[in-house]
Amino acid sequence: MFTVTKKNCMFLAHMGAQGSLGQAVYDMAKDGYDFFAVSADLGVASGFSRFIRDFPENYVNVGIAEQNLISIAAGISSEDLPVIATSWGAFASYRCADQIRTFLGLMGCNVKIVGMGSGLAISRFGGSHYGIGDLALLRGIPGLTIVAPGDGIEIYYSVCEAMKAKGPVYIRLTGGDRLPIINSDLDYDFEIGKGNVLTEGEDVLIVGCGILVYECLKAERLLRERDISCTVVNMHTIKPLDSEAILGRLNHKLIVTVEEHNVMGGLGGGVAELLAGVSNKPPHMLMGIGDFVPLAGDYEYLLDVCGLSAVKIAKKIEGALGK
């Protein structure tokens, strides 16, 4: 299993989101961990090439049939083995919602779904492949843990920890073939359900998830130049939410949630639900994708169109503070 070193972080960043997923799955199999991997005709795209080559009896390709993907994964898990099931995030969530509700929510099957290319990561395929509402759809399913890792090393640890944990998990992958490095600190510690505080400030609490945590960090540097200090929290676990990371920092002037997801029902919605029961709290600004489907384009272009680039995040925070 990989340890957190600058070399490993750089390696996984260059491997990309699916490459980091495949590395984690392969390493766990090499270490003797017993599980199955199931894909909807996306074995190579999932980074499973070496796993399929060396552990063919532990791999099942169900074809382009995502609902069968979840049903078959649930059936295999009844043999008391964890199963990792992969497809594009838009299809792993929307197309499979009833199967997830039944087999993972109601029956608690030990299946780990990986929604690849969520958010705007595979924008070249257009709106049908945008995974911008998966969190809103899945957060309400009982017993389902939801993780949205922010870089390669966090994807790696998310997969390993999810596979070792008992019960259903949805892992939301954002980012593509090259990833930024967010967690290169040698003291980095990943724990499902506990956010990581990346910077400490006094004025603004920025809570981000997925690859957009990198944009949050860039926005923090821009705001620092304007004498606005920010705490940035990498909230990699959407459910259960790390309430203490937020409730312990209500002395800030503003809380901002940033996500590559529809502004309704995702991380921002979870934080808003948490804050609803608090009387003395700062304003909460939700940043995400509005109630529209952006036209296909380059990833950086789409972030800018949706107001999620570092420059636009910083500018909106300045405006909220009256700067």
Protein backbone atom coordinates (compact mmCIF):
# COMPACT_ATOMS: atom_id res chain seq x y z
CA MET A 1 0.00 0.00 0.00
CA PHE A 2 1.28 3.45 -0.88
CA THR A 3 2.52 5.72 1.87
CA VAL A 4 2.27 9.49 1.64
CA THR A 5 5.47 10.70 0.02
CA LYS A 6 5.98 13.50 -2.48
CA LYS A 7 7.02 10.92 -5.08
CA ASN A 8 3.86 8.85 -4.60
CA CYS A 9 1.65 11.94 -4.65
CA MET A 10 3.26 13.04 -7.91
CA PHE A 11 2.94 9.54 -9.39
CA LEU A 12 -0.79 9.32 -8.62
CA ALA A 13 -1.37 12.87 -9.86
CA HIS A 14 0.05 11.82 -13.23
CA MET A 15 -1.97 8.59 -13.15
CA GLY A 16 -5.18 10.60 -12.98
CA ALA A 17 -8.44 9.76 -11.23
CA GLN A 18 -9.08 6.36 -12.79
CA GLY A 19 -5.39 5.47 -12.69
CA SER A 20 -5.31 6.15 -8.93
CA LEU A 21 -8.43 4.01 -8.52
CA GLY A 22 -6.84 1.16 -10.47
CA GLN A 23 -3.60 1.40 -8.49
CA ALA A 24 -5.47 1.09 -5.20
CA VAL A 25 -7.48 -1.91 -6.41
CA TYR A 26 -4.39 -3.66 -7.78
CA ASP A 27 -2.34 -3.05 -4.63
CA MET A 28 -5.10 -4.40 -2.38
CA ALA A 29 -5.33 -7.55 -4.49
CA LYS A 30 -1.53 -7.97 -4.46
CA ASP A 31 -1.61 -7.62 -0.66
CA GLY A 32 -3.99 -10.58 -0.46
CA TYR A 33 -7.23 -8.73 0.21
CA ASP A 34 -10.13 -10.83 -1.13
CA PHE A 35 -12.78 -8.95 -3.14
CA PHE A 36 -14.42 -8.72 -6.55
CA ALA A 37 -14.38 -5.89 -9.08
CA VAL A 38 -17.31 -5.43 -11.43
CA SER A 39 -17.58 -2.97 -14.30
CA ALA A 40 -20.08 -2.01 -16.97
CA ASP A 41 -17.69 -2.57 -19.89
CA LEU A 42 -15.27 -0.04 -18.41
CA GLY A 43 -12.52 -2.27 -17.04
CA VAL A 44 -9.71 -0.49 -18.85
CA ALA A 45 -11.25 2.96 -18.28
CA SER A 46 -11.47 2.10 -14.57
CA GLY A 47 -7.72 1.49 -14.44
CA PHE A 48 -8.25 -2.25 -13.90
CA SER A 49 -5.98 -3.56 -16.70
CA ARG A 50 -3.37 -5.11 -14.38
CA PHE A 51 -6.01 -6.39 -11.98
CA ILE A 52 -7.87 -8.11 -14.85
CA ARG A 53 -4.61 -9.61 -16.12
CA ASP A 54 -3.41 -10.96 -12.76
CA PHE A 55 -6.73 -11.67 -11.02
CA PRO A 56 -9.15 -12.58 -13.84
CA GLU A 57 -11.31 -14.80 -11.63
CA ASN A 58 -12.10 -11.82 -9.39
CA TYR A 59 -13.31 -9.58 -12.21
CA VAL A 60 -16.75 -9.49 -13.83
CA ASN A 61 -17.72 -7.38 -16.85
CA VAL A 62 -21.51 -7.08 -17.07
CA GLY A 63 -21.44 -5.14 -20.33
CA ILE A 64 -23.11 -1.79 -20.88
CA ALA A 65 -25.86 -2.53 -18.36
CA GLU A 66 -25.42 -0.37 -15.30
CA GLN A 67 -28.51 -1.56 -13.44
CA ASN A 68 -27.25 -5.12 -13.79
CA LEU A 69 -23.90 -3.86 -12.53
CA ILE A 70 -25.38 -3.02 -9.12
CA SER A 71 -27.64 -6.09 -8.98
CA ILE A 72 -24.80 -8.51 -9.81
CA ALA A 73 -22.42 -6.73 -7.42
CA ALA A 74 -25.02 -7.07 -4.66
CA GLY A 75 -25.43 -10.76 -5.41
CA ILE A 76 -21.68 -11.40 -5.25
CA SER A 77 -21.45 -9.50 -1.97
CA SER A 78 -23.90 -11.98 -0.41
CA GLU A 79 -20.95 -14.40 -0.32
CA ASP A 80 -19.49 -12.16 2.40
CA LEU A 81 -17.02 -10.49 0.06
CA PRO A 82 -16.77 -6.75 -0.64
CA VAL A 83 -17.39 -5.75 -4.24
CA ILE A 84 -16.24 -2.60 -6.04
CA ALA A 85 -18.48 -1.60 -8.95
CA THR A 86 -17.50 1.14 -11.40
CA SER A 87 -19.20 3.23 -14.06
CA TRP A 88 -19.42 6.88 -15.06
CA GLY A 89 -20.92 8.90 -12.22
CA ALA A 90 -23.98 10.04 -14.17
CA PHE A 91 -24.96 6.46 -14.96
CA ALA A 92 -23.83 4.87 -11.67
CA SER A 93 -26.23 7.20 -9.85
CA TYR A 94 -29.23 8.18 -11.97
CA ARG A 95 -29.56 4.99 -14.00
CA CYS A 96 -29.02 2.77 -10.97
CA ALA A 97 -30.94 4.74 -8.34
CA ASP A 98 -33.56 2.07 -7.65
CA GLN A 99 -30.99 -0.73 -7.46
CA ILE A 100 -28.87 1.36 -5.08
CA ARG A 101 -31.92 2.14 -2.96
CA THR A 102 -32.94 -1.51 -2.79
CA PHE A 103 -29.67 -3.42 -2.53
CA LEU A 104 -27.47 -0.88 -0.74
CA GLY A 105 -29.96 1.26 1.17
CA LEU A 106 -32.56 -1.31 2.24
CA MET A 107 -30.39 -4.45 2.28
CA GLY A 108 -27.06 -2.85 3.22
CA CYS A 109 -25.07 -4.92 0.71
CA ASN A 110 -21.31 -4.54 1.00
CA VAL A 111 -20.88 -2.84 -2.39
CA LYS A 112 -18.57 0.09 -3.08
CA ILE A 113 -19.75 2.06 -6.11
CA VAL A 114 -17.26 4.33 -7.83
CA GLY A 115 -18.85 7.09 -9.91
CA MET A 116 -16.04 8.02 -12.30
CA GLY A 117 -15.87 11.31 -14.17
CA SER A 118 -18.42 13.01 -11.92
CA GLY A 119 -18.96 16.73 -12.03
CA LEU A 120 -17.70 18.15 -15.33
CA ALA A 121 -14.69 15.85 -15.72
CA ILE A 122 -15.74 14.21 -18.99
CA SER A 123 -17.26 17.33 -20.52
CA ARG A 124 -16.22 16.25 -24.02
CA PHE A 125 -19.20 13.88 -24.04
CA GLY A 126 -21.67 16.65 -23.29
CA GLY A 127 -24.48 17.08 -20.79
CA SER A 128 -25.59 13.44 -20.82
CA HIS A 129 -22.31 12.54 -19.08
CA TYR A 130 -22.19 15.39 -16.54
CA GLY A 131 -22.37 13.99 -13.02
CA ILE A 132 -23.72 17.16 -11.44
CA GLY A 133 -26.62 15.78 -9.42
CA ASP A 134 -25.42 12.45 -8.06
CA LEU A 135 -24.92 13.68 -4.50
CA ALA A 136 -28.44 15.12 -4.31
CA LEU A 137 -29.85 11.82 -5.55
CA LEU A 138 -27.87 9.54 -3.24
CA ARG A 139 -27.55 11.48 0.03
CA GLY A 140 -31.06 10.45 1.06
CA ILE A 141 -30.42 6.71 0.74
CA PRO A 142 -30.17 5.26 4.28
CA GLY A 143 -26.84 3.83 5.39
CA LEU A 144 -24.92 4.92 2.29
CA THR A 145 -21.54 6.52 3.00
CA ILE A 146 -20.49 9.09 0.37
CA VAL A 147 -16.88 10.11 -0.23
CA ALA A 148 -15.58 12.75 -2.68
CA PRO A 149 -11.75 12.61 -2.68
CA GLY A 150 -9.74 15.59 -3.89
CA ASP A 151 -6.54 14.23 -5.42
CA GLY A 152 -4.73 11.03 -6.37
CA ILE A 153 -3.46 10.03 -2.94
CA GLU A 154 -6.90 10.71 -1.45
CA ILE A 155 -8.58 8.61 -4.14
CA TYR A 156 -6.14 5.82 -3.32
CA TYR A 157 -6.88 5.96 0.42
CA SER A 158 -10.63 6.42 -0.12
CA VAL A 159 -10.80 3.21 -2.11
CA CYS A 160 -8.67 1.24 0.35
CA GLU A 161 -10.57 2.45 3.41
CA ALA A 162 -13.96 1.96 1.77
CA MET A 163 -13.09 -1.61 0.77
CA LYS A 164 -12.02 -2.43 4.32
CA ALA A 165 -15.14 -0.87 5.87
CA LYS A 166 -18.33 -2.90 6.20
CA GLY A 167 -21.33 -1.54 4.34
CA PRO A 168 -22.23 0.37 1.16
CA VAL A 169 -20.14 3.32 -0.05
CA TYR A 170 -20.37 5.69 -3.02
CA ILE A 171 -17.01 7.19 -4.07
CA ARG A 172 -17.36 10.23 -6.32
CA LEU A 173 -14.38 10.82 -8.58
CA THR A 174 -13.85 14.24 -10.11
CA GLY A 175 -10.91 15.22 -12.26
CA GLY A 176 -9.45 13.51 -15.28
CA ASP A 177 -6.14 12.27 -16.63
CA ARG A 178 -4.03 14.72 -14.62
CA LEU A 179 -4.79 15.74 -11.05
CA PRO A 180 -3.57 18.56 -8.82
CA ILE A 181 -1.75 17.66 -5.63
CA ILE A 182 -3.63 18.76 -2.52
CA ASN A 183 -2.45 16.35 0.18
CA SER A 184 1.34 16.10 -0.04
CA ASP A 185 1.95 16.74 3.66
CA LEU A 186 3.72 13.72 5.16
CA ASP A 187 1.41 14.03 8.19
CA TYR A 188 -1.66 13.66 5.97
CA ASP A 189 -4.15 11.28 7.53
CA PHE A 190 -7.28 10.08 5.74
CA GLU A 191 -10.28 8.98 7.75
CA ILE A 192 -13.77 8.53 6.38
CA GLY A 193 -16.08 10.99 8.14
CA LYS A 194 -13.36 13.42 9.20
CA GLY A 195 -12.48 16.48 7.11
CA ASN A 196 -8.94 17.78 6.75
CA VAL A 197 -8.14 21.39 7.64
CA LEU A 198 -5.64 22.65 5.05
CA THR A 199 -5.29 26.29 6.12
CA GLU A 200 -6.38 28.25 9.19
CA GLY A 201 -7.74 31.79 8.96
CA GLU A 202 -10.10 34.15 10.74
CA ASP A 203 -12.42 35.73 8.18
CA VAL A 204 -13.89 33.03 5.93
CA LEU A 205 -14.46 29.30 6.34
CA ILE A 206 -14.27 27.65 2.91
CA VAL A 207 -15.52 24.07 2.81
CA GLY A 208 -14.80 22.23 -0.44
CA CYS A 209 -14.79 18.71 -1.80
CA GLY A 210 -13.36 16.82 -4.73
CA ILE A 211 -10.88 18.36 -7.11
CA LEU A 212 -12.35 21.82 -6.47
CA VAL A 213 -10.47 21.89 -3.16
CA TYR A 214 -7.49 22.88 -5.31
CA GLU A 215 -9.44 25.89 -6.63
CA CYS A 216 -10.38 26.73 -3.04
CA LEU A 217 -6.70 26.78 -2.08
CA LYS A 218 -5.86 29.03 -5.02
CA ALA A 219 -8.75 31.33 -4.04
CA GLU A 220 -7.41 31.39 -0.48
CA ARG A 221 -4.05 32.70 -1.76
CA LEU A 222 -5.77 35.37 -3.86
CA LEU A 223 -7.84 36.51 -0.88
CA ARG A 224 -4.78 36.55 1.38
CA GLU A 225 -3.30 39.18 -0.95
CA ARG A 226 -6.40 41.28 -0.19
CA ASP A 227 -5.92 40.83 3.57
CA ILE A 228 -8.76 38.30 3.85
CA SER A 229 -7.70 35.20 5.77
CA CYS A 230 -9.46 31.91 5.13
CA THR A 231 -9.74 28.51 6.71
CA VAL A 232 -9.97 25.85 4.00
CA VAL A 233 -11.46 22.48 4.92
CA ASN A 234 -11.26 19.50 2.58
CA MET A 235 -14.62 17.87 3.33
CA HIS A 236 -13.88 14.65 1.48
CA THR A 237 -16.70 12.79 3.21
CA ILE A 238 -20.12 14.14 2.26
CA LYS A 239 -22.01 11.62 4.38
CA PRO A 240 -21.48 11.40 7.29
CA LEU A 241 -20.48 15.04 7.41
CA ASP A 242 -17.77 16.12 9.84
CA SER A 243 -19.95 18.45 11.89
CA GLU A 244 -17.20 19.44 14.30
CA ALA A 245 -15.02 20.82 11.51
CA ILE A 246 -17.80 23.33 10.83
CA LEU A 247 -19.49 23.89 14.19
CA GLY A 248 -16.11 24.40 15.83
CA ARG A 249 -15.38 27.33 13.48
CA LEU A 250 -18.49 29.50 13.67
CA ASN A 251 -16.37 32.48 14.72
CA HIS A 252 -15.70 33.24 11.04
CA LYS A 253 -17.55 36.07 9.27
CA LEU A 254 -18.71 33.87 6.40
CA ILE A 255 -19.08 30.18 5.57
CA VAL A 256 -18.67 29.20 1.91
CA THR A 257 -19.27 25.74 0.44
CA VAL A 258 -17.73 24.98 -2.95
CA GLU A 259 -18.54 21.91 -5.04
CA GLU A 260 -18.53 20.64 -8.61
CA HIS A 261 -22.18 19.71 -8.27
CA ASN A 262 -25.57 21.31 -8.56
CA VAL A 263 -25.88 23.97 -5.88
CA MET A 264 -28.93 22.11 -4.58
CA GLY A 265 -28.67 18.93 -2.53
CA GLY A 266 -24.92 18.34 -2.38
CA LEU A 267 -22.23 19.38 0.09
CA GLY A 268 -23.76 22.84 0.45
CA GLY A 269 -27.14 21.31 1.22
CA GLY A 270 -25.62 19.07 3.88
CA VAL A 271 -23.86 22.00 5.55
CA ALA A 272 -27.06 24.10 5.37
CA GLU A 273 -28.98 21.29 7.08
CA LEU A 274 -26.35 21.19 9.81
CA LEU A 275 -26.46 24.96 10.31
CA ALA A 276 -30.27 25.05 10.35
CA GLY A 277 -30.24 24.03 14.00
CA VAL A 278 -27.71 26.67 15.05
CA SER A 279 -28.92 30.07 16.24
CA ASN A 280 -25.73 32.17 16.27
CA LYS A 281 -23.93 31.53 13.01
CA PRO A 282 -22.33 33.47 10.17
CA PRO A 283 -23.98 33.72 6.74
CA HIS A 284 -23.59 30.70 4.50
CA MET A 285 -22.89 31.15 0.77
CA LEU A 286 -23.36 28.09 -1.45
CA MET A 287 -21.21 27.88 -4.56
CA GLY A 288 -21.82 25.19 -7.15
CA ILE A 289 -23.44 24.69 -10.53
CA GLY A 290 -26.68 26.60 -10.95
CA ASP A 291 -29.99 25.22 -12.14
CA PHE A 292 -28.82 24.72 -15.71
CA VAL A 293 -26.76 22.34 -17.84
CA PRO A 294 -23.68 24.08 -19.28
CA LEU A 295 -22.82 23.47 -22.92
CA ALA A 296 -19.91 21.15 -23.63
CA GLY A 297 -16.45 22.71 -23.49
CA ASP A 298 -13.00 22.46 -21.97
CA TYR A 299 -12.95 21.74 -18.25
CA GLU A 300 -11.35 25.08 -17.29
CA TYR A 301 -13.87 26.92 -19.46
CA LEU A 302 -16.78 25.15 -17.79
CA LEU A 303 -15.46 25.93 -14.31
CA ASP A 304 -15.34 29.59 -15.28
CA VAL A 305 -18.83 29.51 -16.82
CA CYS A 306 -20.16 27.95 -13.60
CA GLY A 307 -18.33 30.49 -11.41
CA LEU A 308 -16.09 27.83 -9.88
CA SER A 309 -12.64 29.00 -10.97
CA ALA A 310 -10.35 30.29 -8.22
CA VAL A 311 -10.66 33.86 -9.50
CA LYS A 312 -14.46 33.78 -9.47
CA ILE A 313 -14.60 32.06 -6.07
CA ALA A 314 -12.36 34.77 -4.61
CA LYS A 315 -14.32 37.57 -6.29
CA LYS A 316 -17.65 36.29 -5.00
CA ILE A 317 -16.29 35.98 -1.47
CA GLU A 318 -14.94 39.54 -1.65
CA GLY A 319 -18.37 40.73 -2.74
CA ALA A 320 -20.11 38.90 0.11
CA LEU A 321 -17.76 40.56 2.58
CA GLY A 322 -18.42 43.98 1.03
CA LYS A 323 -14.83 44.43 -0.14
